[in-house]
Full PDB file with SEQRES, HELIX, SHEET, SSBOND, CRYST1, ORIGX, SCALE, CONECT and MASTER records, all heavy atoms in Angstrom:
SEQRES   1 A   38  LEU VAL ALA ASP ASP THR ALA ALA ASN LEU SER ALA GLN          
SEQRES   2 A   38  TYR SER GLY ASP ARG ARG LEU LEU VAL ARG VAL ALA GLY          
SEQRES   3 A   38  PRO GLU ALA ASP VAL GLN ARG LEU LEU ALA GLY ILE              
HELIX    1 AA1 ALA A    7  SER A   15  1                                   9    
HELIX    2 AA2 GLU A   28  GLY A   37  1                                  10    
CRYST1    1.000    1.000    1.000  90.00  90.00  90.00 P 1           1          
ORIGX1      1.000000  0.000000  0.000000        0.00000                         
ORIGX2      0.000000  1.000000  0.000000        0.00000                         
ORIGX3      0.000000  0.000000  1.000000        0.00000                         
SCALE1      1.000000  0.000000  0.000000        0.00000                         
SCALE2      0.000000  1.000000  0.000000        0.00000                         
SCALE3      0.000000  0.000000  1.000000        0.00000                         
ATOM      1  N   LEU A   1     -25.602   9.270 -12.493  1.00  0.00           N  
ATOM      2  CA  LEU A   1     -24.161   9.151 -12.413  1.00  0.00           C  
ATOM      3  C   LEU A   1     -23.694   9.053 -10.997  1.00  0.00           C  
ATOM      4  O   LEU A   1     -24.064   9.817 -10.116  1.00  0.00           O  
ATOM      5  CB  LEU A   1     -23.600  10.415 -13.083  1.00  0.00           C  
ATOM      6  CG  LEU A   1     -22.016  10.439 -13.350  1.00  0.00           C  
ATOM      7  CD1 LEU A   1     -21.721  11.100 -14.502  1.00  0.00           C  
ATOM      8  CD2 LEU A   1     -21.314  11.046 -12.192  1.00  0.00           C  
ATOM      9  N   VAL A   2     -22.780   8.035 -10.608  1.00  0.00           N  
ATOM     10  CA  VAL A   2     -22.355   7.888  -9.263  1.00  0.00           C  
ATOM     11  C   VAL A   2     -20.820   8.004  -9.207  1.00  0.00           C  
ATOM     12  O   VAL A   2     -20.316   8.197  -8.139  1.00  0.00           O  
ATOM     13  CB  VAL A   2     -22.735   6.463  -8.656  1.00  0.00           C  
ATOM     14  CG1 VAL A   2     -24.209   6.460  -8.519  1.00  0.00           C  
ATOM     15  CG2 VAL A   2     -22.314   5.303  -9.516  1.00  0.00           C  
ATOM     16  N   ALA A   3     -20.161   7.973 -10.403  1.00  0.00           N  
ATOM     17  CA  ALA A   3     -18.733   8.211 -10.254  1.00  0.00           C  
ATOM     18  C   ALA A   3     -18.157   8.632 -11.627  1.00  0.00           C  
ATOM     19  O   ALA A   3     -18.741   8.354 -12.676  1.00  0.00           O  
ATOM     20  CB  ALA A   3     -17.950   6.951  -9.905  1.00  0.00           C  
ATOM     21  N   ASP A   4     -17.224   9.597 -11.561  1.00  0.00           N  
ATOM     22  CA  ASP A   4     -16.435  10.158 -12.867  1.00  0.00           C  
ATOM     23  C   ASP A   4     -15.072  10.585 -12.402  1.00  0.00           C  
ATOM     24  O   ASP A   4     -14.878  11.557 -11.838  1.00  0.00           O  
ATOM     25  CB  ASP A   4     -17.244  11.276 -13.358  1.00  0.00           C  
ATOM     26  CG  ASP A   4     -16.661  11.893 -14.579  1.00  0.00           C  
ATOM     27  OD1 ASP A   4     -15.632  11.328 -15.102  1.00  0.00           O  
ATOM     28  OD2 ASP A   4     -17.132  12.828 -15.135  1.00  0.00           O  
ATOM     29  N   ASP A   5     -14.154   9.647 -12.629  1.00  0.00           N  
ATOM     30  CA  ASP A   5     -12.715   9.887 -12.168  1.00  0.00           C  
ATOM     31  C   ASP A   5     -11.769   8.815 -12.764  1.00  0.00           C  
ATOM     32  O   ASP A   5     -12.268   7.910 -13.433  1.00  0.00           O  
ATOM     33  CB  ASP A   5     -12.669   9.907 -10.677  1.00  0.00           C  
ATOM     34  CG  ASP A   5     -11.552  11.000 -10.265  1.00  0.00           C  
ATOM     35  OD1 ASP A   5     -10.629  11.167 -10.975  1.00  0.00           O  
ATOM     36  OD2 ASP A   5     -11.733  11.595  -9.199  1.00  0.00           O  
ATOM     37  N   THR A   6     -10.632   8.892 -12.507  1.00  0.00           N  
ATOM     38  CA  THR A   6      -9.611   7.842 -12.816  1.00  0.00           C  
ATOM     39  C   THR A   6      -9.795   6.696 -11.926  1.00  0.00           C  
ATOM     40  O   THR A   6     -10.284   6.760 -10.833  1.00  0.00           O  
ATOM     41  CB  THR A   6      -8.162   8.393 -12.828  1.00  0.00           C  
ATOM     42  OG1 THR A   6      -7.792   8.759 -11.512  1.00  0.00           O  
ATOM     43  CG2 THR A   6      -8.083   9.561 -13.703  1.00  0.00           C  
ATOM     44  N   ALA A   7      -9.336   5.509 -12.363  1.00  0.00           N  
ATOM     45  CA  ALA A   7      -9.448   4.324 -11.639  1.00  0.00           C  
ATOM     46  C   ALA A   7      -8.560   4.555 -10.123  1.00  0.00           C  
ATOM     47  O   ALA A   7      -9.017   4.098  -9.133  1.00  0.00           O  
ATOM     48  CB  ALA A   7      -8.900   3.094 -12.336  1.00  0.00           C  
ATOM     49  N   ALA A   8      -7.377   5.186 -10.473  1.00  0.00           N  
ATOM     50  CA  ALA A   8      -6.525   5.439  -9.269  1.00  0.00           C  
ATOM     51  C   ALA A   8      -7.161   6.302  -8.298  1.00  0.00           C  
ATOM     52  O   ALA A   8      -7.163   5.994  -7.064  1.00  0.00           O  
ATOM     53  CB  ALA A   8      -5.122   5.978  -9.713  1.00  0.00           C  
ATOM     54  N   ASN A   9      -7.866   7.343  -8.809  1.00  0.00           N  
ATOM     55  CA  ASN A   9      -8.383   8.336  -7.765  1.00  0.00           C  
ATOM     56  C   ASN A   9      -9.577   7.674  -7.057  1.00  0.00           C  
ATOM     57  O   ASN A   9      -9.937   7.900  -5.915  1.00  0.00           O  
ATOM     58  CB  ASN A   9      -8.868   9.483  -8.530  1.00  0.00           C  
ATOM     59  CG  ASN A   9      -7.691  10.384  -8.779  1.00  0.00           C  
ATOM     60  OD1 ASN A   9      -6.564  10.206  -8.370  1.00  0.00           O  
ATOM     61  ND2 ASN A   9      -7.922  11.469  -9.677  1.00  0.00           N  
ATOM     62  N   LEU A  10     -10.437   6.894  -7.920  1.00  0.00           N  
ATOM     63  CA  LEU A  10     -11.550   6.279  -7.244  1.00  0.00           C  
ATOM     64  C   LEU A  10     -11.094   5.315  -6.109  1.00  0.00           C  
ATOM     65  O   LEU A  10     -11.725   5.158  -5.111  1.00  0.00           O  
ATOM     66  CB  LEU A  10     -12.341   5.487  -8.277  1.00  0.00           C  
ATOM     67  CG  LEU A  10     -13.225   6.348  -9.221  1.00  0.00           C  
ATOM     68  CD1 LEU A  10     -13.866   5.483 -10.381  1.00  0.00           C  
ATOM     69  CD2 LEU A  10     -14.205   7.083  -8.548  1.00  0.00           C  
ATOM     70  N   SER A  11      -9.983   4.562  -6.439  1.00  0.00           N  
ATOM     71  CA  SER A  11      -9.496   3.574  -5.462  1.00  0.00           C  
ATOM     72  C   SER A  11      -8.985   4.273  -4.252  1.00  0.00           C  
ATOM     73  O   SER A  11      -9.321   3.884  -3.034  1.00  0.00           O  
ATOM     74  CB  SER A  11      -8.330   2.683  -6.052  1.00  0.00           C  
ATOM     75  OG  SER A  11      -7.775   1.949  -5.159  1.00  0.00           O  
ATOM     76  N   ALA A  12      -8.312   5.396  -4.340  1.00  0.00           N  
ATOM     77  CA  ALA A  12      -7.887   6.166  -3.205  1.00  0.00           C  
ATOM     78  C   ALA A  12      -9.130   6.818  -2.380  1.00  0.00           C  
ATOM     79  O   ALA A  12      -9.120   6.773  -1.227  1.00  0.00           O  
ATOM     80  CB  ALA A  12      -6.988   7.305  -3.645  1.00  0.00           C  
ATOM     81  N   GLN A  13     -10.075   7.169  -3.218  1.00  0.00           N  
ATOM     82  CA  GLN A  13     -11.276   7.752  -2.552  1.00  0.00           C  
ATOM     83  C   GLN A  13     -12.052   6.803  -1.673  1.00  0.00           C  
ATOM     84  O   GLN A  13     -12.397   7.062  -0.643  1.00  0.00           O  
ATOM     85  CB  GLN A  13     -12.289   8.332  -3.658  1.00  0.00           C  
ATOM     86  CG  GLN A  13     -13.551   8.875  -3.206  1.00  0.00           C  
ATOM     87  CD  GLN A  13     -13.585  10.133  -2.480  1.00  0.00           C  
ATOM     88  OE1 GLN A  13     -12.524  10.842  -2.697  1.00  0.00           O  
ATOM     89  NE2 GLN A  13     -14.575  10.508  -1.893  1.00  0.00           N  
ATOM     90  N   TYR A  14     -12.177   5.540  -2.141  1.00  0.00           N  
ATOM     91  CA  TYR A  14     -13.058   4.602  -1.489  1.00  0.00           C  
ATOM     92  C   TYR A  14     -12.250   3.634  -0.583  1.00  0.00           C  
ATOM     93  O   TYR A  14     -12.945   3.001   0.283  1.00  0.00           O  
ATOM     94  CB  TYR A  14     -13.932   3.832  -2.429  1.00  0.00           C  
ATOM     95  CG  TYR A  14     -14.962   4.555  -2.958  1.00  0.00           C  
ATOM     96  CD1 TYR A  14     -14.970   5.340  -4.071  1.00  0.00           C  
ATOM     97  CD2 TYR A  14     -16.259   4.605  -2.221  1.00  0.00           C  
ATOM     98  CE1 TYR A  14     -16.035   6.089  -4.598  1.00  0.00           C  
ATOM     99  CE2 TYR A  14     -17.274   5.441  -2.608  1.00  0.00           C  
ATOM    100  CZ  TYR A  14     -17.198   6.137  -3.877  1.00  0.00           C  
ATOM    101  OH  TYR A  14     -18.279   6.920  -4.223  1.00  0.00           O  
ATOM    102  N   SER A  15     -11.036   3.427  -0.836  1.00  0.00           N  
ATOM    103  CA  SER A  15     -10.293   2.417   0.011  1.00  0.00           C  
ATOM    104  C   SER A  15     -10.044   2.862   1.385  1.00  0.00           C  
ATOM    105  O   SER A  15     -10.295   2.072   2.230  1.00  0.00           O  
ATOM    106  CB  SER A  15      -8.984   2.184  -0.715  1.00  0.00           C  
ATOM    107  OG  SER A  15      -9.206   1.481  -1.985  1.00  0.00           O  
ATOM    108  N   GLY A  16      -9.363   3.973   1.534  1.00  0.00           N  
ATOM    109  CA  GLY A  16      -9.025   4.518   2.857  1.00  0.00           C  
ATOM    110  C   GLY A  16      -7.832   3.564   3.369  1.00  0.00           C  
ATOM    111  O   GLY A  16      -7.562   3.516   4.661  1.00  0.00           O  
ATOM    112  N   ASP A  17      -7.204   2.727   2.487  1.00  0.00           N  
ATOM    113  CA  ASP A  17      -6.240   1.820   2.898  1.00  0.00           C  
ATOM    114  C   ASP A  17      -5.008   2.016   1.761  1.00  0.00           C  
ATOM    115  O   ASP A  17      -5.153   1.472   0.760  1.00  0.00           O  
ATOM    116  CB  ASP A  17      -6.597   0.476   3.010  1.00  0.00           C  
ATOM    117  CG  ASP A  17      -5.606  -0.404   3.649  1.00  0.00           C  
ATOM    118  OD1 ASP A  17      -4.509  -0.187   3.732  1.00  0.00           O  
ATOM    119  OD2 ASP A  17      -6.016  -1.545   3.971  1.00  0.00           O  
ATOM    120  N   ARG A  18      -3.978   2.883   2.178  1.00  0.00           N  
ATOM    121  CA  ARG A  18      -2.916   2.980   1.272  1.00  0.00           C  
ATOM    122  C   ARG A  18      -1.783   1.959   1.405  1.00  0.00           C  
ATOM    123  O   ARG A  18      -0.755   2.033   0.715  1.00  0.00           O  
ATOM    124  CB  ARG A  18      -2.364   4.457   1.504  1.00  0.00           C  
ATOM    125  CG  ARG A  18      -3.338   5.525   1.299  1.00  0.00           C  
ATOM    126  CD  ARG A  18      -2.656   6.873   1.432  1.00  0.00           C  
ATOM    127  NE  ARG A  18      -1.700   6.976   2.533  1.00  0.00           N  
ATOM    128  CZ  ARG A  18      -2.214   7.348   3.715  1.00  0.00           C  
ATOM    129  NH1 ARG A  18      -3.500   7.630   3.981  1.00  0.00           N  
ATOM    130  NH2 ARG A  18      -1.325   7.381   4.706  1.00  0.00           N  
ATOM    131  N   ARG A  19      -1.876   0.982   2.282  1.00  0.00           N  
ATOM    132  CA  ARG A  19      -0.948   0.031   2.426  1.00  0.00           C  
ATOM    133  C   ARG A  19      -0.399  -0.782   1.324  1.00  0.00           C  
ATOM    134  O   ARG A  19      -1.305  -1.133   0.528  1.00  0.00           O  
ATOM    135  CB  ARG A  19      -1.253  -0.892   3.691  1.00  0.00           C  
ATOM    136  CG  ARG A  19      -1.327  -0.057   5.071  1.00  0.00           C  
ATOM    137  CD  ARG A  19      -1.790  -1.028   6.097  1.00  0.00           C  
ATOM    138  NE  ARG A  19      -2.991  -1.660   5.892  1.00  0.00           N  
ATOM    139  CZ  ARG A  19      -3.486  -2.730   6.549  1.00  0.00           C  
ATOM    140  NH1 ARG A  19      -2.795  -3.229   7.588  1.00  0.00           N  
ATOM    141  NH2 ARG A  19      -4.679  -3.116   6.280  1.00  0.00           N  
ATOM    142  N   LEU A  20       0.818  -1.059   1.403  1.00  0.00           N  
ATOM    143  CA  LEU A  20       1.354  -2.085   0.409  1.00  0.00           C  
ATOM    144  C   LEU A  20       1.599  -3.411   1.237  1.00  0.00           C  
ATOM    145  O   LEU A  20       2.165  -3.399   2.295  1.00  0.00           O  
ATOM    146  CB  LEU A  20       2.687  -1.547  -0.227  1.00  0.00           C  
ATOM    147  CG  LEU A  20       2.522  -0.242  -0.946  1.00  0.00           C  
ATOM    148  CD1 LEU A  20       3.851   0.180  -1.386  1.00  0.00           C  
ATOM    149  CD2 LEU A  20       1.675  -0.425  -2.210  1.00  0.00           C  
ATOM    150  N   LEU A  21       1.299  -4.529   0.577  1.00  0.00           N  
ATOM    151  CA  LEU A  21       1.590  -5.784   0.989  1.00  0.00           C  
ATOM    152  C   LEU A  21       2.823  -6.320   0.375  1.00  0.00           C  
ATOM    153  O   LEU A  21       2.810  -6.567  -0.822  1.00  0.00           O  
ATOM    154  CB  LEU A  21       0.309  -6.708   0.875  1.00  0.00           C  
ATOM    155  CG  LEU A  21       0.285  -8.023   1.788  1.00  0.00           C  
ATOM    156  CD1 LEU A  21       0.198  -7.347   3.247  1.00  0.00           C  
ATOM    157  CD2 LEU A  21      -0.943  -8.755   1.434  1.00  0.00           C  
ATOM    158  N   VAL A  22       3.870  -6.575   1.236  1.00  0.00           N  
ATOM    159  CA  VAL A  22       5.144  -6.981   0.560  1.00  0.00           C  
ATOM    160  C   VAL A  22       5.566  -8.342   1.126  1.00  0.00           C  
ATOM    161  O   VAL A  22       5.445  -8.686   2.313  1.00  0.00           O  
ATOM    162  CB  VAL A  22       6.235  -6.030   0.924  1.00  0.00           C  
ATOM    163  CG1 VAL A  22       7.571  -6.336   0.283  1.00  0.00           C  
ATOM    164  CG2 VAL A  22       5.807  -4.587   0.643  1.00  0.00           C  
ATOM    165  N   ARG A  23       6.057  -9.249   0.254  1.00  0.00           N  
ATOM    166  CA  ARG A  23       6.774 -10.455   0.634  1.00  0.00           C  
ATOM    167  C   ARG A  23       8.175 -10.435   0.372  1.00  0.00           C  
ATOM    168  O   ARG A  23       8.580 -10.204  -0.875  1.00  0.00           O  
ATOM    169  CB  ARG A  23       6.013 -11.648   0.005  1.00  0.00           C  
ATOM    170  CG  ARG A  23       4.676 -11.894   0.566  1.00  0.00           C  
ATOM    171  CD  ARG A  23       4.131 -13.315   0.131  1.00  0.00           C  
ATOM    172  NE  ARG A  23       2.850 -13.554   0.678  1.00  0.00           N  
ATOM    173  CZ  ARG A  23       2.204 -14.689   0.679  1.00  0.00           C  
ATOM    174  NH1 ARG A  23       2.787 -15.801   0.029  1.00  0.00           N  
ATOM    175  NH2 ARG A  23       0.987 -14.887   1.291  1.00  0.00           N  
ATOM    176  N   VAL A  24       8.981 -10.837   1.310  1.00  0.00           N  
ATOM    177  CA  VAL A  24      10.501 -10.767   1.251  1.00  0.00           C  
ATOM    178  C   VAL A  24      11.104 -11.966   1.820  1.00  0.00           C  
ATOM    179  O   VAL A  24      10.659 -12.454   2.920  1.00  0.00           O  
ATOM    180  CB  VAL A  24      11.018  -9.405   1.904  1.00  0.00           C  
ATOM    181  CG1 VAL A  24      12.601  -9.431   1.829  1.00  0.00           C  
ATOM    182  CG2 VAL A  24      10.351  -8.278   1.463  1.00  0.00           C  
ATOM    183  N   ALA A  25      12.073 -12.493   1.037  1.00  0.00           N  
ATOM    184  CA  ALA A  25      12.881 -13.615   1.523  1.00  0.00           C  
ATOM    185  C   ALA A  25      14.105 -13.091   2.304  1.00  0.00           C  
ATOM    186  O   ALA A  25      15.052 -12.509   1.591  1.00  0.00           O  
ATOM    187  CB  ALA A  25      13.325 -14.514   0.297  1.00  0.00           C  
ATOM    188  N   GLY A  26      14.042 -13.070   3.547  1.00  0.00           N  
ATOM    189  CA  GLY A  26      15.167 -12.524   4.456  1.00  0.00           C  
ATOM    190  C   GLY A  26      14.736 -12.673   5.937  1.00  0.00           C  
ATOM    191  O   GLY A  26      13.633 -13.063   6.189  1.00  0.00           O  
ATOM    192  N   PRO A  27      15.699 -12.364   6.794  1.00  0.00           N  
ATOM    193  CA  PRO A  27      15.313 -12.433   8.175  1.00  0.00           C  
ATOM    194  C   PRO A  27      14.331 -11.423   8.616  1.00  0.00           C  
ATOM    195  O   PRO A  27      14.343 -10.226   8.338  1.00  0.00           O  
ATOM    196  CB  PRO A  27      16.790 -12.087   8.885  1.00  0.00           C  
ATOM    197  CG  PRO A  27      17.554 -11.393   7.768  1.00  0.00           C  
ATOM    198  CD  PRO A  27      17.126 -11.927   6.499  1.00  0.00           C  
ATOM    199  N   GLU A  28      13.298 -11.888   9.342  1.00  0.00           N  
ATOM    200  CA  GLU A  28      12.073 -11.130   9.460  1.00  0.00           C  
ATOM    201  C   GLU A  28      12.406  -9.944  10.264  1.00  0.00           C  
ATOM    202  O   GLU A  28      11.928  -8.718   9.766  1.00  0.00           O  
ATOM    203  CB  GLU A  28      11.040 -11.902  10.413  1.00  0.00           C  
ATOM    204  CG  GLU A  28       9.836 -11.286  10.778  1.00  0.00           C  
ATOM    205  CD  GLU A  28       8.826 -12.042  11.611  1.00  0.00           C  
ATOM    206  OE1 GLU A  28       9.346 -13.099  12.270  1.00  0.00           O  
ATOM    207  OE2 GLU A  28       7.633 -11.809  11.685  1.00  0.00           O  
ATOM    208  N   ALA A  29      12.925  -9.889  11.373  1.00  0.00           N  
ATOM    209  CA  ALA A  29      13.296  -8.602  12.162  1.00  0.00           C  
ATOM    210  C   ALA A  29      14.173  -7.605  11.359  1.00  0.00           C  
ATOM    211  O   ALA A  29      13.799  -6.432  11.392  1.00  0.00           O  
ATOM    212  CB  ALA A  29      13.974  -8.917  13.532  1.00  0.00           C  
ATOM    213  N   ASP A  30      15.240  -8.080  10.718  1.00  0.00           N  
ATOM    214  CA  ASP A  30      16.020  -7.190   9.873  1.00  0.00           C  
ATOM    215  C   ASP A  30      15.246  -6.549   8.753  1.00  0.00           C  
ATOM    216  O   ASP A  30      15.448  -5.365   8.534  1.00  0.00           O  
ATOM    217  CB  ASP A  30      17.296  -7.935   9.376  1.00  0.00           C  
ATOM    218  CG  ASP A  30      18.216  -8.386  10.457  1.00  0.00           C  
ATOM    219  OD1 ASP A  30      18.026  -7.853  11.601  1.00  0.00           O  
ATOM    220  OD2 ASP A  30      18.952  -9.324  10.271  1.00  0.00           O  
ATOM    221  N   VAL A  31      14.496  -7.314   8.117  1.00  0.00           N  
ATOM    222  CA  VAL A  31      13.674  -6.795   6.965  1.00  0.00           C  
ATOM    223  C   VAL A  31      12.725  -5.762   7.586  1.00  0.00           C  
ATOM    224  O   VAL A  31      12.557  -4.723   6.950  1.00  0.00           O  
ATOM    225  CB  VAL A  31      12.907  -7.943   6.240  1.00  0.00           C  
ATOM    226  CG1 VAL A  31      11.999  -7.378   5.122  1.00  0.00           C  
ATOM    227  CG2 VAL A  31      13.836  -8.953   5.550  1.00  0.00           C  
ATOM    228  N   GLN A  32      12.044  -6.034   8.579  1.00  0.00           N  
ATOM    229  CA  GLN A  32      11.056  -5.106   9.227  1.00  0.00           C  
ATOM    230  C   GLN A  32      11.736  -3.651   9.533  1.00  0.00           C  
ATOM    231  O   GLN A  32      11.194  -2.692   9.151  1.00  0.00           O  
ATOM    232  CB  GLN A  32      10.417  -5.555  10.371  1.00  0.00           C  
ATOM    233  CG  GLN A  32       9.183  -4.797  10.856  1.00  0.00           C  
ATOM    234  CD  GLN A  32       8.408  -5.439  12.024  1.00  0.00           C  
ATOM    235  OE1 GLN A  32       8.676  -6.585  12.255  1.00  0.00           O  
ATOM    236  NE2 GLN A  32       7.499  -4.695  12.654  1.00  0.00           N  
ATOM    237  N   ARG A  33      12.981  -3.959  10.065  1.00  0.00           N  
ATOM    238  CA  ARG A  33      13.648  -2.596  10.325  1.00  0.00           C  
ATOM    239  C   ARG A  33      13.980  -1.708   9.080  1.00  0.00           C  
ATOM    240  O   ARG A  33      13.980  -0.629   9.109  1.00  0.00           O  
ATOM    241  CB  ARG A  33      15.015  -2.900  11.178  1.00  0.00           C  
ATOM    242  CG  ARG A  33      14.679  -3.055  12.674  1.00  0.00           C  
ATOM    243  CD  ARG A  33      15.932  -3.191  13.532  1.00  0.00           C  
ATOM    244  NE  ARG A  33      16.788  -4.245  13.036  1.00  0.00           N  
ATOM    245  CZ  ARG A  33      16.819  -5.472  13.645  1.00  0.00           C  
ATOM    246  NH1 ARG A  33      15.972  -5.683  14.725  1.00  0.00           N  
ATOM    247  NH2 ARG A  33      17.550  -6.445  13.279  1.00  0.00           N  
ATOM    248  N   LEU A  34      14.439  -2.604   8.089  1.00  0.00           N  
ATOM    249  CA  LEU A  34      14.768  -1.867   6.858  1.00  0.00           C  
ATOM    250  C   LEU A  34      13.515  -1.221   6.241  1.00  0.00           C  
ATOM    251  O   LEU A  34      13.738  -0.009   5.735  1.00  0.00           O  
ATOM    252  CB  LEU A  34      15.436  -2.984   5.821  1.00  0.00           C  
ATOM    253  CG  LEU A  34      15.829  -2.307   4.536  1.00  0.00           C  
ATOM    254  CD1 LEU A  34      16.943  -3.115   3.950  1.00  0.00           C  
ATOM    255  CD2 LEU A  34      14.599  -2.554   3.409  1.00  0.00           C  
ATOM    256  N   LEU A  35      12.487  -1.877   6.255  1.00  0.00           N  
ATOM    257  CA  LEU A  35      11.205  -1.309   5.664  1.00  0.00           C  
ATOM    258  C   LEU A  35      10.842  -0.153   6.432  1.00  0.00           C  
ATOM    259  O   LEU A  35      10.334   0.822   5.835  1.00  0.00           O  
ATOM    260  CB  LEU A  35      10.120  -2.453   5.589  1.00  0.00           C  
ATOM    261  CG  LEU A  35      10.280  -3.705   4.747  1.00  0.00           C  
ATOM    262  CD1 LEU A  35       9.140  -4.648   4.982  1.00  0.00           C  
ATOM    263  CD2 LEU A  35      10.513  -3.343   3.295  1.00  0.00           C  
ATOM    264  N   ALA A  36      10.917  -0.176   7.764  1.00  0.00           N  
ATOM    265  CA  ALA A  36      10.421   1.024   8.568  1.00  0.00           C  
ATOM    266  C   ALA A  36      11.262   2.144   8.357  1.00  0.00           C  
ATOM    267  O   ALA A  36      10.976   3.338   8.532  1.00  0.00           O  
ATOM    268  CB  ALA A  36      10.499   0.548   9.972  1.00  0.00           C  
ATOM    269  N   GLY A  37      12.589   1.965   7.892  1.00  0.00           N  
ATOM    270  CA  GLY A  37      13.596   3.035   7.759  1.00  0.00           C  
ATOM    271  C   GLY A  37      13.528   3.827   6.349  1.00  0.00           C  
ATOM    272  O   GLY A  37      14.194   4.708   6.175  1.00  0.00           O  
ATOM    273  N   ILE A  38      12.691   3.218   5.418  1.00  0.00           N  
ATOM    274  CA  ILE A  38      12.573   3.809   4.086  1.00  0.00           C  
ATOM    275  C   ILE A  38      11.950   5.182   4.234  1.00  0.00           C  
ATOM    276  O   ILE A  38      10.945   5.361   4.856  1.00  0.00           O  
ATOM    277  CB  ILE A  38      11.841   2.932   3.123  1.00  0.00           C  
ATOM    278  CG1 ILE A  38      12.636   1.592   2.951  1.00  0.00           C  
ATOM    279  CG2 ILE A  38      11.549   3.613   1.833  1.00  0.00           C  
ATOM    280  CD1 ILE A  38      11.852   0.607   2.050  1.00  0.00           C  
TER     281      ILE A  38                                                      
MASTER        0    0    0    2    0    0    0    6  280    1    0    3          
END                                                                             
């Protein structure tokens, strides 16, 4: 047995990368400031 958990927990355990990749139609600099301020 090498794993026993939920898919979400296994993904968090092995990924080490919690980032979200977002595509937005809008002015680049303004969108980046808005995202950083959330």
